[in-house]
Amino acid sequence: MERTRVVVAVVGIGLWMSWTPERASAAPSSTECQGNQFQTYNPGLTIFPRPTTFSADTDLSVCTSTADPNIASGRFHIEGGGVISCTAGSVISTLTLTWNTEEQSVIELVSPLDLKPDGETVVVSEGSVTSGKFAGATVTETLTLTSTQVAACFRRGLKQSSGPVVLTITSL
């Protein structure tokens, strides 16, 4: 009987010593998708900032998810607006994403960063999933608009653009 108590005590101490807070907390899970986004602007973008609305439809053809291995693809519609031009701006938008599993996520995004390296527009939007699948998770969307219609900014206004997009959803 005494020997059993010693063994139980030693095993218990060993388990306690091997436990750390890092092991107790779950690692964040993520879902990352890639696709191509096609956007329209109303009115068309010019070199001068002005109130503009936009909408886009996107097919996310490749998704990988540690949060749900059944997620393989998705599609979304996004609408938003703000004061923007061909060179800068900030927009607020709502994205409704339908996964290949037919579940939906509603995402609110803010786009405060608009960089123009080498004639490309890189827009990094951040926000969160406000309802549906992955509710409460954080979201980052990185969109590269490779418009060859820069001349339209100086004439009639750029009414549409497209480019690759990466959408990352991280759940804690």
C-alpha atoms as a PDB file:
ATOM      1  CA  MET A   1       0.000   0.000   0.000  1.00  0.00           C
ATOM      2  CA  GLU A   2       2.812   2.430   0.921  1.00  0.00           C
ATOM      3  CA  ARG A   3       4.626   1.645  -2.323  1.00  0.00           C
ATOM      4  CA  THR A   4       1.436   2.463  -4.330  1.00  0.00           C
ATOM      5  CA  ARG A   5       1.206   5.893  -2.642  1.00  0.00           C
ATOM      6  CA  VAL A   6       4.828   6.648  -3.501  1.00  0.00           C
ATOM      7  CA  VAL A   7       4.316   5.681  -7.155  1.00  0.00           C
ATOM      8  CA  VAL A   8       1.130   7.785  -7.389  1.00  0.00           C
ATOM      9  CA  ALA A   9       2.898  10.735  -5.734  1.00  0.00           C
ATOM     10  CA  VAL A  10       5.901  10.491  -8.084  1.00  0.00           C
ATOM     11  CA  VAL A  11       3.656  10.263 -11.168  1.00  0.00           C
ATOM     12  CA  GLY A  12       1.572  13.215  -9.924  1.00  0.00           C
ATOM     13  CA  ILE A  13       4.672  15.364  -9.295  1.00  0.00           C
ATOM     14  CA  GLY A  14       6.040  14.444 -12.738  1.00  0.00           C
ATOM     15  CA  LEU A  15       2.789  15.464 -14.425  1.00  0.00           C
ATOM     16  CA  TRP A  16       2.662  18.718 -12.447  1.00  0.00           C
ATOM     17  CA  MET A  17       6.260  19.577 -13.350  1.00  0.00           C
ATOM     18  CA  SER A  18       5.668  18.903 -17.057  1.00  0.00           C
ATOM     19  CA  TRP A  19       2.610  21.194 -17.177  1.00  0.00           C
ATOM     20  CA  THR A  20       3.229  24.722 -18.371  1.00  0.00           C
ATOM     21  CA  PRO A  21       0.751  27.518 -19.185  1.00  0.00           C
ATOM     22  CA  GLU A  22       1.785  27.349 -22.853  1.00  0.00           C
ATOM     23  CA  ARG A  23       0.701  23.719 -23.018  1.00  0.00           C
ATOM     24  CA  ALA A  24      -2.550  24.498 -21.206  1.00  0.00           C
ATOM     25  CA  SER A  25      -3.708  27.143 -23.681  1.00  0.00           C
ATOM     26  CA  ALA A  26      -4.800  26.097 -27.135  1.00  0.00           C
ATOM     27  CA  ALA A  27      -2.809  27.284 -30.109  1.00  0.00           C
ATOM     28  CA  PRO A  28      -4.626  29.721 -32.391  1.00  0.00           C
ATOM     29  CA  SER A  29      -6.312  28.105 -35.353  1.00  0.00           C
ATOM     30  CA  SER A  30      -6.271  29.722 -38.751  1.00  0.00           C
ATOM     31  CA  THR A  31      -7.969  29.581 -42.097  1.00  0.00           C
ATOM     32  CA  GLU A  32      -6.194  31.034 -45.126  1.00  0.00           C
ATOM     33  CA  CYS A  33      -7.707  31.426 -48.567  1.00  0.00           C
ATOM     34  CA  GLN A  34      -6.469  32.705 -51.907  1.00  0.00           C
ATOM     35  CA  GLY A  35      -8.373  33.913 -54.909  1.00  0.00           C
ATOM     36  CA  ASN A  36      -8.909  36.754 -57.347  1.00  0.00           C
ATOM     37  CA  GLN A  37     -11.031  39.815 -56.567  1.00  0.00           C
ATOM     38  CA  PHE A  38     -12.851  41.944 -59.153  1.00  0.00           C
ATOM     39  CA  GLN A  39     -13.969  45.393 -57.902  1.00  0.00           C
ATOM     40  CA  THR A  40     -16.147  48.165 -59.283  1.00  0.00           C
ATOM     41  CA  TYR A  41     -16.153  51.792 -58.065  1.00  0.00           C
ATOM     42  CA  ASN A  42     -18.912  54.384 -58.140  1.00  0.00           C
ATOM     43  CA  PRO A  43     -18.050  57.039 -59.079  1.00  0.00           C
ATOM     44  CA  GLY A  44     -14.835  55.998 -60.791  1.00  0.00           C
ATOM     45  CA  LEU A  45     -11.590  56.708 -58.931  1.00  0.00           C
ATOM     46  CA  THR A  46      -9.654  59.824 -59.915  1.00  0.00           C
ATOM     47  CA  ILE A  47      -6.460  61.424 -58.639  1.00  0.00           C
ATOM     48  CA  PHE A  48      -8.548  63.495 -56.210  1.00  0.00           C
ATOM     49  CA  PRO A  49     -10.051  61.827 -53.116  1.00  0.00           C
ATOM     50  CA  ARG A  50     -13.852  61.824 -53.040  1.00  0.00           C
ATOM     51  CA  PRO A  51     -16.669  59.790 -51.477  1.00  0.00           C
ATOM     52  CA  THR A  52     -16.842  56.515 -53.374  1.00  0.00           C
ATOM     53  CA  THR A  53     -18.624  53.198 -52.934  1.00  0.00           C
ATOM     54  CA  PHE A  54     -17.291  49.891 -54.158  1.00  0.00           C
ATOM     55  CA  SER A  55     -18.382  46.301 -54.443  1.00  0.00           C
ATOM     56  CA  ALA A  56     -16.557  43.109 -55.286  1.00  0.00           C
ATOM     57  CA  ASP A  57     -17.226  39.453 -55.873  1.00  0.00           C
ATOM     58  CA  THR A  58     -14.471  36.982 -55.159  1.00  0.00           C
ATOM     59  CA  ASP A  59     -13.953  33.258 -55.584  1.00  0.00           C
ATOM     60  CA  LEU A  60     -11.563  31.850 -52.992  1.00  0.00           C
ATOM     61  CA  SER A  61     -10.445  28.804 -54.926  1.00  0.00           C
ATOM     62  CA  VAL A  62      -7.891  27.489 -52.425  1.00  0.00           C
ATOM     63  CA  CYS A  63      -8.390  27.405 -48.645  1.00  0.00           C
ATOM     64  CA  THR A  64      -6.541  25.576 -45.884  1.00  0.00           C
ATOM     65  CA  SER A  65      -7.894  25.505 -42.355  1.00  0.00           C
ATOM     66  CA  THR A  66      -6.624  24.181 -39.053  1.00  0.00           C
ATOM     67  CA  ALA A  67      -9.945  25.294 -37.540  1.00  0.00           C
ATOM     68  CA  ASP A  68     -12.112  23.151 -39.824  1.00  0.00           C
ATOM     69  CA  PRO A  69     -10.516  20.631 -42.207  1.00  0.00           C
ATOM     70  CA  ASN A  70     -13.754  20.589 -44.267  1.00  0.00           C
ATOM     71  CA  ILE A  71     -13.099  24.155 -45.477  1.00  0.00           C
ATOM     72  CA  ALA A  72     -11.594  23.951 -48.989  1.00  0.00           C
ATOM     73  CA  SER A  73     -12.942  27.022 -50.804  1.00  0.00           C
ATOM     74  CA  GLY A  74     -15.421  29.853 -50.593  1.00  0.00           C
ATOM     75  CA  ARG A  75     -16.881  32.874 -52.306  1.00  0.00           C
ATOM     76  CA  PHE A  76     -17.734  36.315 -51.013  1.00  0.00           C
ATOM     77  CA  HIS A  77     -19.458  39.559 -51.842  1.00  0.00           C
ATOM     78  CA  ILE A  78     -18.114  42.753 -50.298  1.00  0.00           C
ATOM     79  CA  GLU A  79     -19.543  46.270 -50.245  1.00  0.00           C
ATOM     80  CA  GLY A  80     -18.100  49.382 -48.741  1.00  0.00           C
ATOM     81  CA  GLY A  81     -17.195  52.973 -49.127  1.00  0.00           C
ATOM     82  CA  GLY A  82     -15.083  55.851 -48.020  1.00  0.00           C
ATOM     83  CA  VAL A  83     -13.113  58.794 -49.301  1.00  0.00           C
ATOM     84  CA  ILE A  84     -10.676  57.320 -51.808  1.00  0.00           C
ATOM     85  CA  SER A  85      -8.676  58.128 -54.925  1.00  0.00           C
ATOM     86  CA  CYS A  86      -6.335  56.256 -57.239  1.00  0.00           C
ATOM     87  CA  THR A  87      -3.480  56.989 -54.851  1.00  0.00           C
ATOM     88  CA  ALA A  88      -4.873  56.763 -51.313  1.00  0.00           C
ATOM     89  CA  GLY A  89      -7.916  56.378 -49.134  1.00  0.00           C
ATOM     90  CA  SER A  90      -9.636  54.568 -46.334  1.00  0.00           C
ATOM     91  CA  VAL A  91     -12.766  52.427 -46.566  1.00  0.00           C
ATOM     92  CA  ILE A  92     -15.078  50.485 -44.294  1.00  0.00           C
ATOM     93  CA  SER A  93     -16.710  47.384 -45.743  1.00  0.00           C
ATOM     94  CA  THR A  94     -18.873  44.365 -44.992  1.00  0.00           C
ATOM     95  CA  LEU A  95     -17.983  41.003 -46.488  1.00  0.00           C
ATOM     96  CA  THR A  96     -20.403  38.062 -46.632  1.00  0.00           C
ATOM     97  CA  LEU A  97     -18.502  34.828 -47.183  1.00  0.00           C
ATOM     98  CA  THR A  98     -20.133  31.515 -48.097  1.00  0.00           C
ATOM     99  CA  TRP A  99     -17.877  28.505 -47.501  1.00  0.00           C
ATOM    100  CA  ASN A 100     -17.905  25.313 -49.591  1.00  0.00           C
ATOM    101  CA  THR A 101     -19.740  23.769 -46.603  1.00  0.00           C
ATOM    102  CA  GLU A 102     -22.589  26.304 -47.229  1.00  0.00           C
ATOM    103  CA  GLU A 103     -21.893  27.923 -43.842  1.00  0.00           C
ATOM    104  CA  GLN A 104     -21.529  31.715 -43.824  1.00  0.00           C
ATOM    105  CA  SER A 105     -19.303  34.273 -42.114  1.00  0.00           C
ATOM    106  CA  VAL A 106     -20.089  37.995 -41.956  1.00  0.00           C
ATOM    107  CA  ILE A 107     -16.938  40.101 -41.673  1.00  0.00           C
ATOM    108  CA  GLU A 108     -16.492  43.827 -40.968  1.00  0.00           C
ATOM    109  CA  LEU A 109     -13.258  45.295 -42.393  1.00  0.00           C
ATOM    110  CA  VAL A 110     -11.404  48.599 -42.186  1.00  0.00           C
ATOM    111  CA  SER A 111      -8.797  49.444 -44.838  1.00  0.00           C
ATOM    112  CA  PRO A 112      -6.488  52.133 -43.451  1.00  0.00           C
ATOM    113  CA  LEU A 113      -3.395  51.154 -45.420  1.00  0.00           C
ATOM    114  CA  ASP A 114      -3.017  51.695 -49.136  1.00  0.00           C
ATOM    115  CA  LEU A 115       0.497  51.349 -50.544  1.00  0.00           C
ATOM    116  CA  LYS A 116       1.606  51.902 -54.112  1.00  0.00           C
ATOM    117  CA  PRO A 117       4.871  50.031 -54.752  1.00  0.00           C
ATOM    118  CA  ASP A 118       5.851  49.809 -58.433  1.00  0.00           C
ATOM    119  CA  GLY A 119       2.453  50.956 -59.706  1.00  0.00           C
ATOM    120  CA  GLU A 120       0.524  48.325 -57.738  1.00  0.00           C
ATOM    121  CA  THR A 121      -2.012  49.110 -55.076  1.00  0.00           C
ATOM    122  CA  VAL A 122      -1.684  46.909 -51.990  1.00  0.00           C
ATOM    123  CA  VAL A 123      -4.639  47.232 -49.630  1.00  0.00           C
ATOM    124  CA  VAL A 124      -4.374  45.564 -46.211  1.00  0.00           C
ATOM    125  CA  SER A 125      -7.767  45.386 -44.487  1.00  0.00           C
ATOM    126  CA  GLU A 126      -8.275  44.250 -40.908  1.00  0.00           C
ATOM    127  CA  GLY A 127     -11.379  43.375 -38.967  1.00  0.00           C
ATOM    128  CA  SER A 128     -13.325  40.564 -37.383  1.00  0.00           C
ATOM    129  CA  VAL A 129     -15.986  37.966 -38.033  1.00  0.00           C
ATOM    130  CA  THR A 130     -19.133  39.532 -36.551  1.00  0.00           C
ATOM    131  CA  SER A 131     -21.453  36.547 -37.047  1.00  0.00           C
ATOM    132  CA  GLY A 132     -21.621  33.027 -38.417  1.00  0.00           C
ATOM    133  CA  LYS A 133     -18.774  30.562 -38.760  1.00  0.00           C
ATOM    134  CA  PHE A 134     -15.633  31.683 -36.882  1.00  0.00           C
ATOM    135  CA  ALA A 135     -17.558  34.473 -35.046  1.00  0.00           C
ATOM    136  CA  GLY A 136     -15.143  36.553 -32.956  1.00  0.00           C
ATOM    137  CA  ALA A 137     -12.077  35.644 -35.020  1.00  0.00           C
ATOM    138  CA  THR A 138      -9.738  38.299 -36.408  1.00  0.00           C
ATOM    139  CA  VAL A 139      -9.421  38.794 -40.160  1.00  0.00           C
ATOM    140  CA  THR A 140      -6.742  40.192 -42.454  1.00  0.00           C
ATOM    141  CA  GLU A 141      -7.337  40.638 -46.172  1.00  0.00           C
ATOM    142  CA  THR A 142      -4.415  41.549 -48.438  1.00  0.00           C
ATOM    143  CA  LEU A 143      -5.477  42.645 -51.902  1.00  0.00           C
ATOM    144  CA  THR A 144      -3.073  43.551 -54.702  1.00  0.00           C
ATOM    145  CA  LEU A 145      -4.737  45.569 -57.448  1.00  0.00           C
ATOM    146  CA  THR A 146      -2.603  45.458 -60.578  1.00  0.00           C
ATOM    147  CA  SER A 147      -4.524  47.968 -62.624  1.00  0.00           C
ATOM    148  CA  THR A 148      -3.085  48.811 -66.013  1.00  0.00           C
ATOM    149  CA  GLN A 149      -5.723  51.509 -66.385  1.00  0.00           C
ATOM    150  CA  VAL A 150      -3.869  54.239 -64.478  1.00  0.00           C
ATOM    151  CA  ALA A 151      -4.553  56.661 -67.322  1.00  0.00           C
ATOM    152  CA  ALA A 152      -8.269  56.381 -66.486  1.00  0.00           C
ATOM    153  CA  CYS A 153      -7.561  58.129 -63.177  1.00  0.00           C
ATOM    154  CA  PHE A 154      -6.624  61.270 -65.106  1.00  0.00           C
ATOM    155  CA  ARG A 155      -9.497  61.160 -67.611  1.00  0.00           C
ATOM    156  CA  ARG A 156     -12.877  59.653 -66.841  1.00  0.00           C
ATOM    157  CA  GLY A 157     -12.132  57.787 -63.593  1.00  0.00           C
ATOM    158  CA  LEU A 158     -11.130  54.199 -62.901  1.00  0.00           C
ATOM    159  CA  LYS A 159     -14.359  52.197 -62.662  1.00  0.00           C
ATOM    160  CA  GLN A 160     -12.993  48.687 -62.101  1.00  0.00           C
ATOM    161  CA  SER A 161      -9.873  46.813 -61.058  1.00  0.00           C
ATOM    162  CA  SER A 162      -8.864  43.288 -60.108  1.00  0.00           C
ATOM    163  CA  GLY A 163      -6.082  41.338 -58.497  1.00  0.00           C
ATOM    164  CA  PRO A 164      -5.056  38.482 -56.230  1.00  0.00           C
ATOM    165  CA  VAL A 165      -6.360  38.380 -52.665  1.00  0.00           C
ATOM    166  CA  VAL A 166      -5.330  36.485 -49.523  1.00  0.00           C
ATOM    167  CA  LEU A 167      -7.849  36.230 -46.672  1.00  0.00           C
ATOM    168  CA  THR A 168      -6.637  35.022 -43.261  1.00  0.00           C
ATOM    169  CA  ILE A 169      -8.967  34.264 -40.335  1.00  0.00           C
ATOM    170  CA  THR A 170      -7.368  33.609 -36.952  1.00  0.00           C
ATOM    171  CA  SER A 171      -9.306  32.217 -33.983  1.00  0.00           C
ATOM    172  CA  LEU A 172      -7.890  32.220 -30.470  1.00  0.00           C
END
